């Protein structure tokens, strides 16, 4: 088993009356389209943390970076991540989804940068119904340098075997994480840097807001960024600081959930699971953390409307 650092225990997302429910009553599945598992009480009181705590910042592992791309070891972390985003199209071109598959020619004008490993992500032991890891795993083709540039708590990946000119051989690394579905969001974000996609995967949000984020993401990655438009991170921060911009997002979530507390609790669980995976892997990007804070504020606002 390819080990990652210990991850935070799940905090409670529960309903209770005048007496608090037992901490052993918490249970969530990992499917993001799961049905609500609790009945809504007539006057539920909800116990949720006001904020999602951020761990102390830890820079990415230079040992892991040296194993993936030795020439990048002296380069500052932020410059590495920015450079990788610029290469995302070539890294994603013709990305194989199977082991030992024949290589095909890339798109015209694009030189593919093939993955180096496959992560087999399964639920952590504490999330397994039998108290141990294993079971079904989700497979994610990855580049070692991308993981090294974003995940401070991952150890160096073992070297990939040399592939032939016609076949790509990718080593499979089993990893336990709190939430495999949440890692799918992180995987996409590490390659694209798109906050609109990350937030849209977490919660139902208004299409115009996601379109604004998408446009800002595109402009921030464009070589014409010098004309001065806001980045997607800027849009997230401006929304967090402006109640008049936040309220429509909270109302939209409340309406999309039909005001149902159990449905809103499921949305809260999705945000919590992404938080757990980020902490477990050591993802410290400020833009993604601020987007997570935005999602949590939207959830709390929707819950507040339901309680009212």
Protein backbone atom coordinates (compact mmCIF):
# COMPACT_ATOMS: atom_id res chain seq x y z
CA UNK A 1 0.00 0.00 0.00
CA UNK A 2 1.34 3.43 -0.97
CA UNK A 3 0.91 5.34 2.29
CA UNK A 4 -0.30 8.91 2.76
CA UNK A 5 -0.33 10.93 5.96
CA UNK A 6 -3.12 10.40 8.45
CA UNK A 7 -6.29 12.32 7.66
CA UNK A 8 -8.72 14.18 9.91
CA UNK A 9 -11.60 12.27 11.42
CA UNK A 10 -15.03 13.17 10.10
CA UNK A 11 -16.80 15.81 12.11
CA UNK A 12 -20.44 15.22 12.88
CA UNK A 13 -23.20 16.21 10.50
CA UNK A 14 -26.26 15.26 12.46
CA UNK A 15 -29.71 16.27 13.61
CA UNK A 16 -30.54 16.33 17.30
CA UNK A 17 -33.29 17.48 19.62
CA UNK A 18 -32.81 18.89 23.11
CA UNK A 19 -30.31 16.12 23.86
CA UNK A 20 -27.25 15.65 21.59
CA UNK A 21 -27.11 12.51 19.52
CA UNK A 22 -24.44 9.93 20.20
CA UNK A 23 -21.23 10.52 18.24
CA UNK A 24 -21.40 6.92 17.05
CA UNK A 25 -24.51 7.61 15.00
CA UNK A 26 -22.70 9.32 12.11
CA UNK A 27 -22.54 7.48 8.81
CA UNK A 28 -22.12 8.56 5.16
CA UNK A 29 -21.73 6.67 1.93
CA UNK A 30 -19.29 7.92 -0.73
CA UNK A 31 -21.65 8.39 -3.65
CA UNK A 32 -22.42 12.01 -4.46
CA UNK A 33 -25.83 11.07 -5.82
CA UNK A 34 -26.77 9.08 -2.72
CA UNK A 35 -30.31 9.44 -1.35
CA UNK A 36 -30.86 11.14 1.98
CA UNK A 37 -30.44 8.55 4.71
CA UNK A 38 -32.10 10.45 7.56
CA UNK A 39 -35.68 11.54 7.96
CA UNK A 40 -36.23 15.24 8.46
CA UNK A 41 -37.53 16.03 11.93
CA UNK A 42 -40.23 18.64 12.44
CA UNK A 43 -37.95 21.15 14.14
CA UNK A 44 -34.38 19.99 13.53
CA UNK A 45 -31.46 21.65 15.24
CA UNK A 46 -28.26 21.26 13.26
CA UNK A 47 -24.77 20.99 14.64
CA UNK A 48 -22.17 22.04 12.06
CA UNK A 49 -18.78 23.70 12.53
CA UNK A 50 -18.90 27.41 11.69
CA UNK A 51 -15.66 27.18 9.69
CA UNK A 52 -13.59 24.47 8.05
CA UNK A 53 -10.24 24.70 9.81
CA UNK A 54 -7.13 25.02 7.68
CA UNK A 55 -4.03 23.08 8.73
CA UNK A 56 -0.71 24.86 9.08
CA UNK A 57 0.90 25.41 5.69
CA UNK A 58 3.48 22.86 4.59
CA UNK A 59 5.44 23.32 1.38
CA UNK A 60 5.51 20.52 -1.17
CA UNK A 61 8.10 17.77 -0.66
CA UNK A 62 11.32 18.51 -2.49
CA UNK A 63 12.14 14.78 -2.28
CA UNK A 64 8.91 13.95 -4.10
CA UNK A 65 9.65 16.65 -6.65
CA UNK A 66 13.19 15.35 -7.14
CA UNK A 67 11.81 11.87 -7.82
CA UNK A 68 9.36 13.25 -10.41
CA UNK A 69 11.32 16.09 -12.04
CA UNK A 70 14.83 16.75 -10.64
CA UNK A 71 15.32 19.90 -12.71
CA UNK A 72 12.40 21.59 -10.91
CA UNK A 73 13.77 21.16 -7.38
CA UNK A 74 15.15 24.75 -7.09
CA UNK A 75 12.02 26.33 -8.61
CA UNK A 76 9.47 27.95 -6.22
CA UNK A 77 6.29 25.92 -5.75
CA UNK A 78 3.92 28.53 -7.15
CA UNK A 79 5.94 28.85 -10.37
CA UNK A 80 5.90 25.05 -10.79
CA UNK A 81 2.12 24.89 -10.46
CA UNK A 82 1.64 27.81 -12.84
CA UNK A 83 3.91 26.17 -15.41
CA UNK A 84 2.08 22.87 -15.15
CA UNK A 85 -1.25 24.57 -15.81
CA UNK A 86 0.19 25.97 -19.02
CA UNK A 87 0.98 22.39 -20.10
CA UNK A 88 -2.36 20.90 -19.05
CA UNK A 89 -3.61 20.42 -22.63
CA UNK A 90 -0.60 18.31 -23.59
CA UNK A 91 -0.74 16.35 -20.34
CA UNK A 92 -4.39 15.51 -20.89
CA UNK A 93 -4.07 14.76 -24.60
CA UNK A 94 -4.64 11.09 -25.41
CA UNK A 95 -4.47 10.21 -21.71
CA UNK A 96 -4.67 6.41 -21.45
CA UNK A 97 -7.17 4.94 -19.02
CA UNK A 98 -5.75 1.41 -18.98
CA UNK A 99 -2.44 -0.21 -18.25
CA UNK A 100 -0.18 -1.50 -21.00
CA UNK A 101 -2.19 0.12 -23.77
CA UNK A 102 -0.82 0.88 -27.24
CA UNK A 103 0.21 4.48 -27.74
CA UNK A 104 -1.56 6.52 -30.40
CA UNK A 105 -0.59 9.71 -32.13
CA UNK A 106 -1.62 12.91 -30.39
CA UNK A 107 -3.82 15.64 -31.81
CA UNK A 108 -2.32 17.83 -34.49
CA UNK A 109 0.08 20.32 -32.98
CA UNK A 110 -0.08 18.72 -29.51
CA UNK A 111 2.74 16.56 -28.18
CA UNK A 112 1.18 14.29 -25.54
CA UNK A 113 2.79 14.09 -22.13
CA UNK A 114 1.69 10.67 -20.98
CA UNK A 115 0.90 9.84 -17.35
CA UNK A 116 3.58 8.19 -15.25
CA UNK A 117 1.42 6.32 -12.70
CA UNK A 118 -2.12 5.23 -11.90
CA UNK A 119 -3.59 5.89 -8.46
CA UNK A 120 -6.08 3.30 -7.23
CA UNK A 121 -8.09 5.35 -4.73
CA UNK A 122 -10.24 3.51 -2.21
CA UNK A 123 -11.97 4.55 1.00
CA UNK A 124 -9.92 4.86 4.17
CA UNK A 125 -10.29 2.11 6.80
CA UNK A 126 -12.50 4.30 9.00
CA UNK A 127 -14.90 4.80 6.08
CA UNK A 128 -15.16 1.10 5.21
CA UNK A 129 -18.20 -0.83 6.41
CA UNK A 130 -15.88 -3.53 7.78
CA UNK A 131 -13.38 -1.17 9.34
CA UNK A 132 -10.58 -1.80 6.85
CA UNK A 133 -9.53 -0.43 3.48
CA UNK A 134 -9.67 -2.19 0.14
CA UNK A 135 -12.74 -3.06 -1.87
CA UNK A 136 -13.54 -1.26 -5.10
CA UNK A 137 -11.03 1.37 -6.14
CA UNK A 138 -11.28 4.28 -8.56
CA UNK A 139 -8.38 4.57 -11.03
CA UNK A 140 -6.82 7.94 -11.88
CA UNK A 141 -3.97 8.33 -14.39
CA UNK A 142 -1.55 10.92 -12.98
CA UNK A 143 1.77 12.59 -13.64
CA UNK A 144 4.20 12.32 -10.73
CA UNK A 145 5.26 15.94 -11.15
CA UNK A 146 1.64 17.16 -10.85
CA UNK A 147 1.15 15.32 -7.57
CA UNK A 148 4.53 16.48 -6.26
CA UNK A 149 3.64 20.08 -7.10
CA UNK A 150 0.30 20.03 -5.26
CA UNK A 151 0.31 17.36 -2.53
CA UNK A 152 2.75 18.15 0.28
CA UNK A 153 1.95 14.99 2.26
CA UNK A 154 2.51 12.47 -0.51
CA UNK A 155 5.87 10.68 -0.38
CA UNK A 156 7.94 10.37 -3.58
CA UNK A 157 6.31 8.08 -6.12
CA UNK A 158 8.37 5.05 -7.13
CA UNK A 159 10.00 5.34 -10.56
CA UNK A 160 7.82 4.32 -13.48
CA UNK A 161 9.14 1.45 -15.61
CA UNK A 162 10.49 2.29 -19.03
CA UNK A 163 7.78 1.92 -21.65
CA UNK A 164 8.32 0.79 -25.19
CA UNK A 165 7.69 2.98 -28.21
CA UNK A 166 4.30 1.39 -28.76
CA UNK A 167 3.04 0.51 -25.26
CA UNK A 168 2.70 2.56 -22.11
CA UNK A 169 3.30 0.79 -18.79
CA UNK A 170 1.89 2.54 -15.72
CA UNK A 171 2.50 1.29 -12.15
CA UNK A 172 -0.64 1.13 -10.01
CA UNK A 173 -0.35 2.70 -6.53
CA UNK A 174 -3.17 1.82 -4.08
CA UNK A 175 -4.02 4.76 -1.80
CA UNK A 176 -6.67 5.07 0.91
CA UNK A 177 -8.38 8.46 1.22
CA UNK A 178 -11.44 9.64 3.15
CA UNK A 179 -13.44 10.14 -0.07
CA UNK A 180 -12.63 8.73 -3.53
CA UNK A 181 -15.42 10.86 -5.13
CA UNK A 182 -13.89 14.01 -3.62
CA UNK A 183 -10.48 13.05 -5.04
CA UNK A 184 -12.06 13.10 -8.51
CA UNK A 185 -12.69 16.83 -7.95
CA UNK A 186 -9.12 17.36 -6.76
CA UNK A 187 -7.71 15.38 -9.69
CA UNK A 188 -9.52 17.58 -12.20
CA UNK A 189 -8.56 20.76 -10.36
CA UNK A 190 -4.85 19.86 -10.19
CA UNK A 191 -4.75 19.58 -13.98
CA UNK A 192 -6.97 22.52 -14.92
CA UNK A 193 -6.99 24.95 -11.97
CA UNK A 194 -10.69 25.60 -12.70
CA UNK A 195 -12.52 26.75 -9.58
CA UNK A 196 -15.83 26.84 -11.46
CA UNK A 197 -15.57 23.11 -12.17
CA UNK A 198 -14.60 22.33 -8.57
CA UNK A 199 -17.47 24.35 -7.09
CA UNK A 200 -19.95 23.10 -9.69
CA UNK A 201 -19.03 19.52 -8.78
CA UNK A 202 -19.70 20.20 -5.10
CA UNK A 203 -22.95 22.16 -5.13
CA UNK A 204 -25.77 23.29 -7.41
CA UNK A 205 -24.85 26.93 -8.03
CA UNK A 206 -26.38 29.53 -10.36
CA UNK A 207 -25.24 29.15 -13.97
CA UNK A 208 -24.35 32.86 -14.34
CA UNK A 209 -22.02 32.68 -11.33
CA UNK A 210 -20.27 29.57 -12.67
CA UNK A 211 -20.00 31.22 -16.08
CA UNK A 212 -18.33 34.26 -14.51
CA UNK A 213 -15.87 31.98 -12.73
CA UNK A 214 -15.21 30.05 -15.94
CA UNK A 215 -14.53 33.24 -17.89
CA UNK A 216 -12.20 34.50 -15.17
CA UNK A 217 -10.36 31.16 -15.12
CA UNK A 218 -9.84 31.32 -18.87
CA UNK A 219 -8.55 34.89 -18.79
CA UNK A 220 -6.18 34.20 -15.90
CA UNK A 221 -4.53 31.38 -17.86
CA UNK A 222 -4.39 33.35 -21.10
CA UNK A 223 -1.27 35.11 -22.32
CA UNK A 224 -3.42 38.23 -22.68
CA UNK A 225 -3.91 38.41 -18.88
CA UNK A 226 -2.13 41.79 -18.89
CA UNK A 227 -5.35 43.64 -19.74
CA UNK A 228 -6.33 43.30 -16.09
CA UNK A 229 -9.50 41.22 -15.70
CA UNK A 230 -10.16 39.55 -12.33
CA UNK A 231 -8.99 35.99 -11.77
CA UNK A 232 -11.35 33.26 -10.61
CA UNK A 233 -9.75 33.53 -7.18
CA UNK A 234 -10.57 37.26 -7.18
CA UNK A 235 -14.22 36.47 -7.97
CA UNK A 236 -14.37 33.95 -5.11
CA UNK A 237 -12.86 36.42 -2.63
CA UNK A 238 -15.15 39.24 -3.75
CA UNK A 239 -18.17 36.97 -3.30
CA UNK A 240 -17.04 35.85 0.15
CA UNK A 241 -16.66 39.47 1.28
CA UNK A 242 -19.96 40.71 -0.19
CA UNK A 243 -23.20 39.51 1.46
CA UNK A 244 -25.29 40.83 -1.44
CA UNK A 245 -23.33 38.53 -3.78
CA UNK A 246 -23.42 35.58 -1.37
CA UNK A 247 -27.15 35.62 -0.64
CA UNK A 248 -28.26 34.63 -4.19
CA UNK A 249 -25.97 31.59 -4.07
CA UNK A 250 -27.38 30.53 -0.70
CA UNK A 251 -30.96 31.04 -1.89
CA UNK A 252 -30.25 29.06 -5.07
CA UNK A 253 -28.95 26.10 -3.05
CA UNK A 254 -31.96 26.30 -0.72
CA UNK A 255 -34.36 26.33 -3.69
CA UNK A 256 -32.51 23.56 -5.56
CA UNK A 257 -32.74 21.43 -2.42
CA UNK A 258 -36.44 22.10 -1.99
CA UNK A 259 -35.71 23.39 1.50
CA UNK A 260 -35.10 19.79 2.61
CA UNK A 261 -32.70 19.61 5.55
CA UNK A 262 -31.54 16.06 4.74
CA UNK A 263 -30.63 17.12 1.19
CA UNK A 264 -28.74 20.13 2.51
CA UNK A 265 -26.90 17.86 4.94
CA UNK A 266 -25.77 15.76 1.99
CA UNK A 267 -24.36 18.89 0.34
CA UNK A 268 -22.58 19.70 3.58
CA UNK A 269 -21.12 16.18 3.57
CA UNK A 270 -19.77 16.69 0.04
CA UNK A 271 -17.92 19.82 1.10
CA UNK A 272 -16.65 18.09 4.24
CA UNK A 273 -15.29 15.17 2.22
CA UNK A 274 -13.33 17.46 -0.11
CA UNK A 275 -11.93 19.21 2.98
CA UNK A 276 -10.81 15.85 4.38
CA UNK A 277 -9.03 14.83 1.17
CA UNK A 278 -7.31 18.21 0.90
CA UNK A 279 -6.00 17.92 4.47
CA UNK A 280 -4.97 14.28 3.99
CA UNK A 281 -2.97 15.04 0.84
CA UNK A 282 -1.57 18.37 1.98
CA UNK A 283 -3.18 20.56 -0.67
CA UNK A 284 -2.54 24.13 0.46
CA UNK A 285 -3.47 26.23 -2.58
CA UNK A 286 -5.12 29.44 -1.27
CA UNK A 287 -7.53 29.70 -4.21
CA UNK A 288 -8.94 26.22 -3.66
CA UNK A 289 -9.19 26.77 0.10
CA UNK A 290 -11.08 30.02 -0.45
CA UNK A 291 -13.40 28.22 -2.89
CA UNK A 292 -14.00 25.60 -0.19
CA UNK A 293 -14.83 28.38 2.28
CA UNK A 294 -17.26 29.81 -0.26
CA UNK A 295 -18.97 26.43 -0.66
CA UNK A 296 -19.25 26.07 3.12
CA UNK A 297 -20.75 29.56 3.48
CA UNK A 298 -23.30 28.72 0.79
CA UNK A 299 -24.24 25.50 2.60
CA UNK A 300 -24.58 27.25 5.97
CA UNK A 301 -26.73 29.95 4.37
CA UNK A 302 -29.00 27.33 2.82
CA UNK A 303 -29.27 25.57 6.17
CA UNK A 304 -30.13 28.84 7.83
CA UNK A 305 -32.98 29.40 5.41
CA UNK A 306 -34.26 25.87 6.04
CA UNK A 307 -34.12 26.38 9.80
CA UNK A 308 -36.06 29.64 9.44
